[in-house]
């Protein structure tokens, strides 16, 4: 596991478990908002709001420890298992 991925997972750990799941499914697994809505039985607009708020919350909690432009590299690299 890379240091970037460790930092990202640490940041995600501060989110509510349901929001953590949604963020990981959306950005790591590549699920669309519509797929999330259908699979989780949550309205699309709620999914959209939760994703946005979650992505705004993480940098606020960690300050300069992590920036989302750094995290994008983690989402776009091949999956690490």
PDB file of N, CA and C in Angstrom:
ATOM      1  N   UNK A   1       0.858  -1.177   0.000  1.00  0.00           N
ATOM      2  CA  UNK A   1       0.000   0.000   0.000  1.00  0.00           C
ATOM      3  C   UNK A   1       0.905   1.242   0.000  1.00  0.00           C
ATOM      4  N   UNK A   2       0.645   2.147  -0.907  1.00  0.00           N
ATOM      5  CA  UNK A   2       1.472   3.349  -0.999  1.00  0.00           C
ATOM      6  C   UNK A   2       1.152   4.308   0.144  1.00  0.00           C
ATOM      7  N   UNK A   3       2.058   5.225   0.380  1.00  0.00           N
ATOM      8  CA  UNK A   3       1.834   6.238   1.412  1.00  0.00           C
ATOM      9  C   UNK A   3       0.623   7.104   1.061  1.00  0.00           C
ATOM     10  N   UNK A   4       0.468   7.404  -0.228  1.00  0.00           N
ATOM     11  CA  UNK A   4      -0.683   8.212  -0.656  1.00  0.00           C
ATOM     12  C   UNK A   4      -1.987   7.511  -0.318  1.00  0.00           C
ATOM     13  N   UNK A   5      -2.058   6.216  -0.602  1.00  0.00           N
ATOM     14  CA  UNK A   5      -3.276   5.473  -0.312  1.00  0.00           C
ATOM     15  C   UNK A   5      -3.521   5.395   1.188  1.00  0.00           C
ATOM     16  N   UNK A   6      -2.477   5.218   1.976  1.00  0.00           N
ATOM     17  CA  UNK A   6      -2.619   5.202   3.439  1.00  0.00           C
ATOM     18  C   UNK A   6      -3.182   6.529   3.945  1.00  0.00           C
ATOM     19  N   UNK A   7      -2.661   7.636   3.414  1.00  0.00           N
ATOM     20  CA  UNK A   7      -3.155   8.955   3.824  1.00  0.00           C
ATOM     21  C   UNK A   7      -4.604   9.144   3.430  1.00  0.00           C
ATOM     22  N   UNK A   8      -4.945   8.710   2.229  1.00  0.00           N
ATOM     23  CA  UNK A   8      -6.311   8.832   1.763  1.00  0.00           C
ATOM     24  C   UNK A   8      -7.260   8.022   2.640  1.00  0.00           C
ATOM     25  N   UNK A   9      -6.909   6.791   2.932  1.00  0.00           N
ATOM     26  CA  UNK A   9      -7.758   5.948   3.775  1.00  0.00           C
ATOM     27  C   UNK A   9      -7.887   6.521   5.181  1.00  0.00           C
ATOM     28  N   UNK A  10      -6.827   7.131   5.679  1.00  0.00           N
ATOM     29  CA  UNK A  10      -6.886   7.783   6.984  1.00  0.00           C
ATOM     30  C   UNK A  10      -7.881   8.933   6.962  1.00  0.00           C
ATOM     31  N   UNK A  11      -7.858   9.704   5.900  1.00  0.00           N
ATOM     32  CA  UNK A  11      -8.804  10.808   5.759  1.00  0.00           C
ATOM     33  C   UNK A  11     -10.228  10.301   5.670  1.00  0.00           C
ATOM     34  N   UNK A  12     -10.442   9.275   4.888  1.00  0.00           N
ATOM     35  CA  UNK A  12     -11.780   8.717   4.732  1.00  0.00           C
ATOM     36  C   UNK A  12     -12.312   8.157   6.048  1.00  0.00           C
ATOM     37  N   UNK A  13     -11.411   7.731   6.912  1.00  0.00           N
ATOM     38  CA  UNK A  13     -11.810   7.180   8.201  1.00  0.00           C
ATOM     39  C   UNK A  13     -12.531   8.171   9.091  1.00  0.00           C
ATOM     40  N   UNK A  14     -12.433   9.432   8.781  1.00  0.00           N
ATOM     41  CA  UNK A  14     -13.111  10.464   9.573  1.00  0.00           C
ATOM     42  C   UNK A  14     -14.565  10.663   9.152  1.00  0.00           C
ATOM     43  N   UNK A  15     -14.946  10.072   8.027  1.00  0.00           N
ATOM     44  CA  UNK A  15     -16.320  10.219   7.547  1.00  0.00           C
ATOM     45  C   UNK A  15     -17.253   9.212   8.212  1.00  0.00           C
ATOM     46  N   UNK A  16     -18.536   9.532   8.203  1.00  0.00           N
ATOM     47  CA  UNK A  16     -19.579   8.603   8.605  1.00  0.00           C
ATOM     48  C   UNK A  16     -19.426   7.335   7.749  1.00  0.00           C
ATOM     49  N   UNK A  17     -19.610   6.140   8.323  1.00  0.00           N
ATOM     50  CA  UNK A  17     -19.399   4.907   7.558  1.00  0.00           C
ATOM     51  C   UNK A  17     -20.175   4.824   6.238  1.00  0.00           C
ATOM     52  N   UNK A  18     -21.406   5.291   6.216  1.00  0.00           N
ATOM     53  CA  UNK A  18     -22.180   5.234   4.971  1.00  0.00           C
ATOM     54  C   UNK A  18     -21.587   6.157   3.908  1.00  0.00           C
ATOM     55  N   UNK A  19     -21.123   7.323   4.329  1.00  0.00           N
ATOM     56  CA  UNK A  19     -20.515   8.261   3.384  1.00  0.00           C
ATOM     57  C   UNK A  19     -19.155   7.744   2.914  1.00  0.00           C
ATOM     58  N   UNK A  20     -18.430   7.085   3.804  1.00  0.00           N
ATOM     59  CA  UNK A  20     -17.170   6.442   3.425  1.00  0.00           C
ATOM     60  C   UNK A  20     -17.405   5.455   2.294  1.00  0.00           C
ATOM     61  N   UNK A  21     -18.415   4.636   2.485  1.00  0.00           N
ATOM     62  CA  UNK A  21     -18.742   3.610   1.495  1.00  0.00           C
ATOM     63  C   UNK A  21     -19.081   4.245   0.147  1.00  0.00           C
ATOM     64  N   UNK A  22     -19.888   5.294   0.173  1.00  0.00           N
ATOM     65  CA  UNK A  22     -20.292   5.957  -1.062  1.00  0.00           C
ATOM     66  C   UNK A  22     -19.083   6.565  -1.776  1.00  0.00           C
ATOM     67  N   UNK A  23     -18.219   7.229  -1.034  1.00  0.00           N
ATOM     68  CA  UNK A  23     -17.027   7.840  -1.638  1.00  0.00           C
ATOM     69  C   UNK A  23     -16.137   6.757  -2.258  1.00  0.00           C
ATOM     70  N   UNK A  24     -15.914   5.667  -1.545  1.00  0.00           N
ATOM     71  CA  UNK A  24     -15.071   4.600  -2.081  1.00  0.00           C
ATOM     72  C   UNK A  24     -15.695   3.941  -3.309  1.00  0.00           C
ATOM     73  N   UNK A  25     -16.994   3.694  -3.260  1.00  0.00           N
ATOM     74  CA  UNK A  25     -17.656   3.090  -4.420  1.00  0.00           C
ATOM     75  C   UNK A  25     -17.618   4.031  -5.629  1.00  0.00           C
ATOM     76  N   UNK A  26     -17.777   5.317  -5.386  1.00  0.00           N
ATOM     77  CA  UNK A  26     -17.782   6.282  -6.485  1.00  0.00           C
ATOM     78  C   UNK A  26     -16.391   6.487  -7.074  1.00  0.00           C
ATOM     79  N   UNK A  27     -15.414   6.744  -6.241  1.00  0.00           N
ATOM     80  CA  UNK A  27     -14.113   7.157  -6.748  1.00  0.00           C
ATOM     81  C   UNK A  27     -13.112   6.024  -6.901  1.00  0.00           C
ATOM     82  N   UNK A  28     -13.232   4.989  -6.096  1.00  0.00           N
ATOM     83  CA  UNK A  28     -12.285   3.886  -6.214  1.00  0.00           C
ATOM     84  C   UNK A  28     -12.830   2.799  -7.127  1.00  0.00           C
ATOM     85  N   UNK A  29     -14.122   2.517  -6.990  1.00  0.00           N
ATOM     86  CA  UNK A  29     -14.732   1.467  -7.799  1.00  0.00           C
ATOM     87  C   UNK A  29     -15.359   1.994  -9.084  1.00  0.00           C
ATOM     88  N   UNK A  30     -15.506   3.304  -9.189  1.00  0.00           N
ATOM     89  CA  UNK A  30     -15.996   3.904 -10.424  1.00  0.00           C
ATOM     90  C   UNK A  30     -17.506   3.880 -10.620  1.00  0.00           C
ATOM     91  N   UNK A  31     -18.259   3.718  -9.539  1.00  0.00           N
ATOM     92  CA  UNK A  31     -19.716   3.716  -9.659  1.00  0.00           C
ATOM     93  C   UNK A  31     -20.207   5.128  -9.939  1.00  0.00           C
ATOM     94  N   UNK A  32     -21.198   5.242 -10.805  1.00  0.00           N
ATOM     95  CA  UNK A  32     -21.815   6.538 -11.085  1.00  0.00           C
ATOM     96  C   UNK A  32     -22.800   6.877  -9.967  1.00  0.00           C
ATOM     97  N   UNK A  33     -23.244   8.133  -9.941  1.00  0.00           N
ATOM     98  CA  UNK A  33     -24.251   8.531  -8.946  1.00  0.00           C
ATOM     99  C   UNK A  33     -25.535   7.740  -9.142  1.00  0.00           C
ATOM    100  N   UNK A  34     -25.867   7.475 -10.399  1.00  0.00           N
ATOM    101  CA  UNK A  34     -27.081   6.713 -10.695  1.00  0.00           C
ATOM    102  C   UNK A  34     -26.964   5.272 -10.201  1.00  0.00           C
ATOM    103  N   UNK A  35     -25.791   4.674 -10.390  1.00  0.00           N
ATOM    104  CA  UNK A  35     -25.573   3.309  -9.897  1.00  0.00           C
ATOM    105  C   UNK A  35     -25.652   3.268  -8.376  1.00  0.00           C
ATOM    106  N   UNK A  36     -25.024   4.237  -7.730  1.00  0.00           N
ATOM    107  CA  UNK A  36     -25.079   4.306  -6.269  1.00  0.00           C
ATOM    108  C   UNK A  36     -26.516   4.447  -5.792  1.00  0.00           C
ATOM    109  N   UNK A  37     -27.259   5.313  -6.447  1.00  0.00           N
ATOM    110  CA  UNK A  37     -28.650   5.544  -6.088  1.00  0.00           C
ATOM    111  C   UNK A  37     -29.466   4.260  -6.188  1.00  0.00           C
ATOM    112  N   UNK A  38     -29.306   3.553  -7.294  1.00  0.00           N
ATOM    113  CA  UNK A  38     -30.060   2.321  -7.521  1.00  0.00           C
ATOM    114  C   UNK A  38     -29.659   1.229  -6.533  1.00  0.00           C
ATOM    115  N   UNK A  39     -28.367   0.992  -6.405  1.00  0.00           N
ATOM    116  CA  UNK A  39     -27.875  -0.092  -5.551  1.00  0.00           C
ATOM    117  C   UNK A  39     -28.140   0.151  -4.070  1.00  0.00           C
ATOM    118  N   UNK A  40     -28.062   1.415  -3.637  1.00  0.00           N
ATOM    119  CA  UNK A  40     -28.190   1.728  -2.216  1.00  0.00           C
ATOM    120  C   UNK A  40     -29.570   2.260  -1.846  1.00  0.00           C
ATOM    121  N   UNK A  41     -30.428   2.414  -2.847  1.00  0.00           N
ATOM    122  CA  UNK A  41     -31.788   2.922  -2.639  1.00  0.00           C
ATOM    123  C   UNK A  41     -31.784   4.274  -1.925  1.00  0.00           C
ATOM    124  N   UNK A  42     -30.954   5.164  -2.472  1.00  0.00           N
ATOM    125  CA  UNK A  42     -30.828   6.536  -1.965  1.00  0.00           C
ATOM    126  C   UNK A  42     -31.029   7.454  -3.167  1.00  0.00           C
ATOM    127  N   UNK A  43     -31.811   8.521  -3.037  1.00  0.00           N
ATOM    128  CA  UNK A  43     -32.036   9.417  -4.181  1.00  0.00           C
ATOM    129  C   UNK A  43     -30.720   9.967  -4.752  1.00  0.00           C
ATOM    130  N   UNK A  44     -30.681  10.127  -6.069  1.00  0.00           N
ATOM    131  CA  UNK A  44     -29.483  10.620  -6.755  1.00  0.00           C
ATOM    132  C   UNK A  44     -29.028  11.958  -6.181  1.00  0.00           C
ATOM    133  N   UNK A  45     -29.961  12.860  -5.931  1.00  0.00           N
ATOM    134  CA  UNK A  45     -29.577  14.174  -5.391  1.00  0.00           C
ATOM    135  C   UNK A  45     -28.933  14.051  -4.014  1.00  0.00           C
ATOM    136  N   UNK A  46     -29.375  13.090  -3.227  1.00  0.00           N
ATOM    137  CA  UNK A  46     -28.760  12.862  -1.910  1.00  0.00           C
ATOM    138  C   UNK A  46     -27.342  12.335  -2.088  1.00  0.00           C
ATOM    139  N   UNK A  47     -27.162  11.404  -3.009  1.00  0.00           N
ATOM    140  CA  UNK A  47     -25.823  10.875  -3.304  1.00  0.00           C
ATOM    141  C   UNK A  47     -24.897  12.011  -3.717  1.00  0.00           C
ATOM    142  N   UNK A  48     -25.379  12.843  -4.622  1.00  0.00           N
ATOM    143  CA  UNK A  48     -24.586  13.974  -5.120  1.00  0.00           C
ATOM    144  C   UNK A  48     -24.181  14.898  -3.970  1.00  0.00           C
ATOM    145  N   UNK A  49     -25.133  15.216  -3.101  1.00  0.00           N
ATOM    146  CA  UNK A  49     -24.863  16.093  -1.958  1.00  0.00           C
ATOM    147  C   UNK A  49     -23.866  15.455  -1.000  1.00  0.00           C
ATOM    148  N   UNK A  50     -24.068  14.184  -0.688  1.00  0.00           N
ATOM    149  CA  UNK A  50     -23.166  13.497   0.244  1.00  0.00           C
ATOM    150  C   UNK A  50     -21.742  13.428  -0.306  1.00  0.00           C
ATOM    151  N   UNK A  51     -21.612  13.148  -1.590  1.00  0.00           N
ATOM    152  CA  UNK A  51     -20.274  13.101  -2.184  1.00  0.00           C
ATOM    153  C   UNK A  51     -19.590  14.459  -2.087  1.00  0.00           C
ATOM    154  N   UNK A  52     -20.309  15.487  -2.458  1.00  0.00           N
ATOM    155  CA  UNK A  52     -19.728  16.838  -2.405  1.00  0.00           C
ATOM    156  C   UNK A  52     -19.331  17.220  -0.990  1.00  0.00           C
ATOM    157  N   UNK A  53     -20.232  17.022  -0.046  1.00  0.00           N
ATOM    158  CA  UNK A  53     -19.931  17.376   1.348  1.00  0.00           C
ATOM    159  C   UNK A  53     -18.771  16.557   1.898  1.00  0.00           C
ATOM    160  N   UNK A  54     -18.721  15.293   1.543  1.00  0.00           N
ATOM    161  CA  UNK A  54     -17.635  14.430   2.011  1.00  0.00           C
ATOM    162  C   UNK A  54     -16.298  14.911   1.476  1.00  0.00           C
ATOM    163  N   UNK A  55     -16.262  15.270   0.196  1.00  0.00           N
ATOM    164  CA  UNK A  55     -15.014  15.732  -0.400  1.00  0.00           C
ATOM    165  C   UNK A  55     -14.576  17.079   0.149  1.00  0.00           C
ATOM    166  N   UNK A  56     -15.531  17.866   0.623  1.00  0.00           N
ATOM    167  CA  UNK A  56     -15.188  19.141   1.265  1.00  0.00           C
ATOM    168  C   UNK A  56     -14.771  18.939   2.719  1.00  0.00           C
ATOM    169  N   UNK A  57     -15.321  17.944   3.365  1.00  0.00           N
ATOM    170  CA  UNK A  57     -15.057  17.700   4.788  1.00  0.00           C
ATOM    171  C   UNK A  57     -13.646  17.192   5.049  1.00  0.00           C
ATOM    172  N   UNK A  58     -13.166  16.304   4.221  1.00  0.00           N
ATOM    173  CA  UNK A  58     -11.870  15.675   4.495  1.00  0.00           C
ATOM    174  C   UNK A  58     -10.728  16.691   4.566  1.00  0.00           C
ATOM    175  N   UNK A  59     -10.553  17.572   3.590  1.00  0.00           N
ATOM    176  CA  UNK A  59      -9.465  18.547   3.725  1.00  0.00           C
ATOM    177  C   UNK A  59      -9.656  19.492   4.914  1.00  0.00           C
ATOM    178  N   UNK A  60     -10.899  19.803   5.272  1.00  0.00           N
ATOM    179  CA  UNK A  60     -11.148  20.680   6.412  1.00  0.00           C
ATOM    180  C   UNK A  60     -10.661  20.009   7.699  1.00  0.00           C
ATOM    181  N   UNK A  61     -10.915  18.727   7.832  1.00  0.00           N
ATOM    182  CA  UNK A  61     -10.502  17.989   9.033  1.00  0.00           C
ATOM    183  C   UNK A  61      -8.982  17.895   9.110  1.00  0.00           C
ATOM    184  N   UNK A  62      -8.338  17.650   7.979  1.00  0.00           N
ATOM    185  CA  UNK A  62      -6.900  17.406   7.973  1.00  0.00           C
ATOM    186  C   UNK A  62      -6.054  18.605   7.592  1.00  0.00           C
ATOM    187  N   UNK A  63      -6.687  19.713   7.293  1.00  0.00           N
ATOM    188  CA  UNK A  63      -5.924  20.905   6.948  1.00  0.00           C
ATOM    189  C   UNK A  63      -5.020  20.661   5.764  1.00  0.00           C
ATOM    190  N   UNK A  64      -3.742  20.935   5.915  1.00  0.00           N
ATOM    191  CA  UNK A  64      -2.825  20.793   4.791  1.00  0.00           C
ATOM    192  C   UNK A  64      -2.223  19.397   4.697  1.00  0.00           C
ATOM    193  N   UNK A  65      -2.639  18.477   5.555  1.00  0.00           N
ATOM    194  CA  UNK A  65      -2.093  17.133   5.486  1.00  0.00           C
ATOM    195  C   UNK A  65      -2.366  16.486   4.135  1.00  0.00           C
ATOM    196  N   UNK A  66      -3.529  16.762   3.583  1.00  0.00           N
ATOM    197  CA  UNK A  66      -3.879  16.159   2.303  1.00  0.00           C
ATOM    198  C   UNK A  66      -4.666  17.155   1.473  1.00  0.00           C
ATOM    199  N   UNK A  67      -4.411  17.140   0.179  1.00  0.00           N
ATOM    200  CA  UNK A  67      -5.174  17.974  -0.748  1.00  0.00           C
ATOM    201  C   UNK A  67      -5.796  17.036  -1.767  1.00  0.00           C
ATOM    202  N   UNK A  68      -7.008  17.358  -2.204  1.00  0.00           N
ATOM    203  CA  UNK A  68      -7.705  16.458  -3.115  1.00  0.00           C
ATOM    204  C   UNK A  68      -7.012  16.346  -4.456  1.00  0.00           C
ATOM    205  N   UNK A  69      -6.259  17.366  -4.867  1.00  0.00           N
ATOM    206  CA  UNK A  69      -5.549  17.216  -6.136  1.00  0.00           C
ATOM    207  C   UNK A  69      -4.489  16.131  -6.015  1.00  0.00           C
ATOM    208  N   UNK A  70      -3.956  15.901  -4.822  1.00  0.00           N
ATOM    209  CA  UNK A  70      -3.027  14.804  -4.590  1.00  0.00           C
ATOM    210  C   UNK A  70      -3.767  13.467  -4.605  1.00  0.00           C
ATOM    211  N   UNK A  71      -4.963  13.449  -4.069  1.00  0.00           N
ATOM    212  CA  UNK A  71      -5.739  12.217  -3.980  1.00  0.00           C
ATOM    213  C   UNK A  71      -6.184  11.727  -5.343  1.00  0.00           C
ATOM    214  N   UNK A  72      -6.390  12.629  -6.272  1.00  0.00           N
ATOM    215  CA  UNK A  72      -6.849  12.219  -7.604  1.00  0.00           C
ATOM    216  C   UNK A  72      -5.905  11.203  -8.215  1.00  0.00           C
ATOM    217  N   UNK A  73      -4.592  11.327  -7.930  1.00  0.00           N
ATOM    218  CA  UNK A  73      -3.629  10.373  -8.464  1.00  0.00           C
ATOM    219  C   UNK A  73      -3.915   8.964  -7.953  1.00  0.00           C
ATOM    220  N   UNK A  74      -4.343   8.853  -6.718  1.00  0.00           N
ATOM    221  CA  UNK A  74      -4.661   7.550  -6.150  1.00  0.00           C
ATOM    222  C   UNK A  74      -5.850   6.943  -6.873  1.00  0.00           C
ATOM    223  N   UNK A  75      -6.876   7.770  -7.148  1.00  0.00           N
ATOM    224  CA  UNK A  75      -8.082   7.245  -7.804  1.00  0.00           C
ATOM    225  C   UNK A  75      -7.793   6.817  -9.236  1.00  0.00           C
ATOM    226  N   UNK A  76      -6.807   7.416  -9.888  1.00  0.00           N
ATOM    227  CA  UNK A  76      -6.598   7.128 -11.296  1.00  0.00           C
ATOM    228  C   UNK A  76      -5.514   6.094 -11.533  1.00  0.00           C
ATOM    229  N   UNK A  77      -4.812   5.659 -10.492  1.00  0.00           N
ATOM    230  CA  UNK A  77      -3.806   4.613 -10.666  1.00  0.00           C
ATOM    231  C   UNK A  77      -4.492   3.257 -10.635  1.00  0.00           C
ATOM    232  N   UNK A  78      -3.850   2.232 -11.165  1.00  0.00           N
ATOM    233  CA  UNK A  78      -4.456   0.892 -11.106  1.00  0.00           C
ATOM    234  C   UNK A  78      -4.750   0.499  -9.656  1.00  0.00           C
ATOM    235  N   UNK A  79      -5.777  -0.266  -9.474  1.00  0.00           N
ATOM    236  CA  UNK A  79      -6.175  -0.666  -8.115  1.00  0.00           C
ATOM    237  C   UNK A  79      -5.065  -1.457  -7.447  1.00  0.00           C
ATOM    238  N   UNK A  80      -4.890  -1.167  -6.175  1.00  0.00           N
ATOM    239  CA  UNK A  80      -3.866  -1.847  -5.388  1.00  0.00           C
ATOM    240  C   UNK A  80      -4.564  -2.812  -4.443  1.00  0.00           C
ATOM    241  N   UNK A  81      -4.271  -4.070  -4.567  1.00  0.00           N
ATOM    242  CA  UNK A  81      -4.929  -5.076  -3.719  1.00  0.00           C
ATOM    243  C   UNK A  81      -3.915  -5.753  -2.843  1.00  0.00           C
TER     244      UNK A  81
END
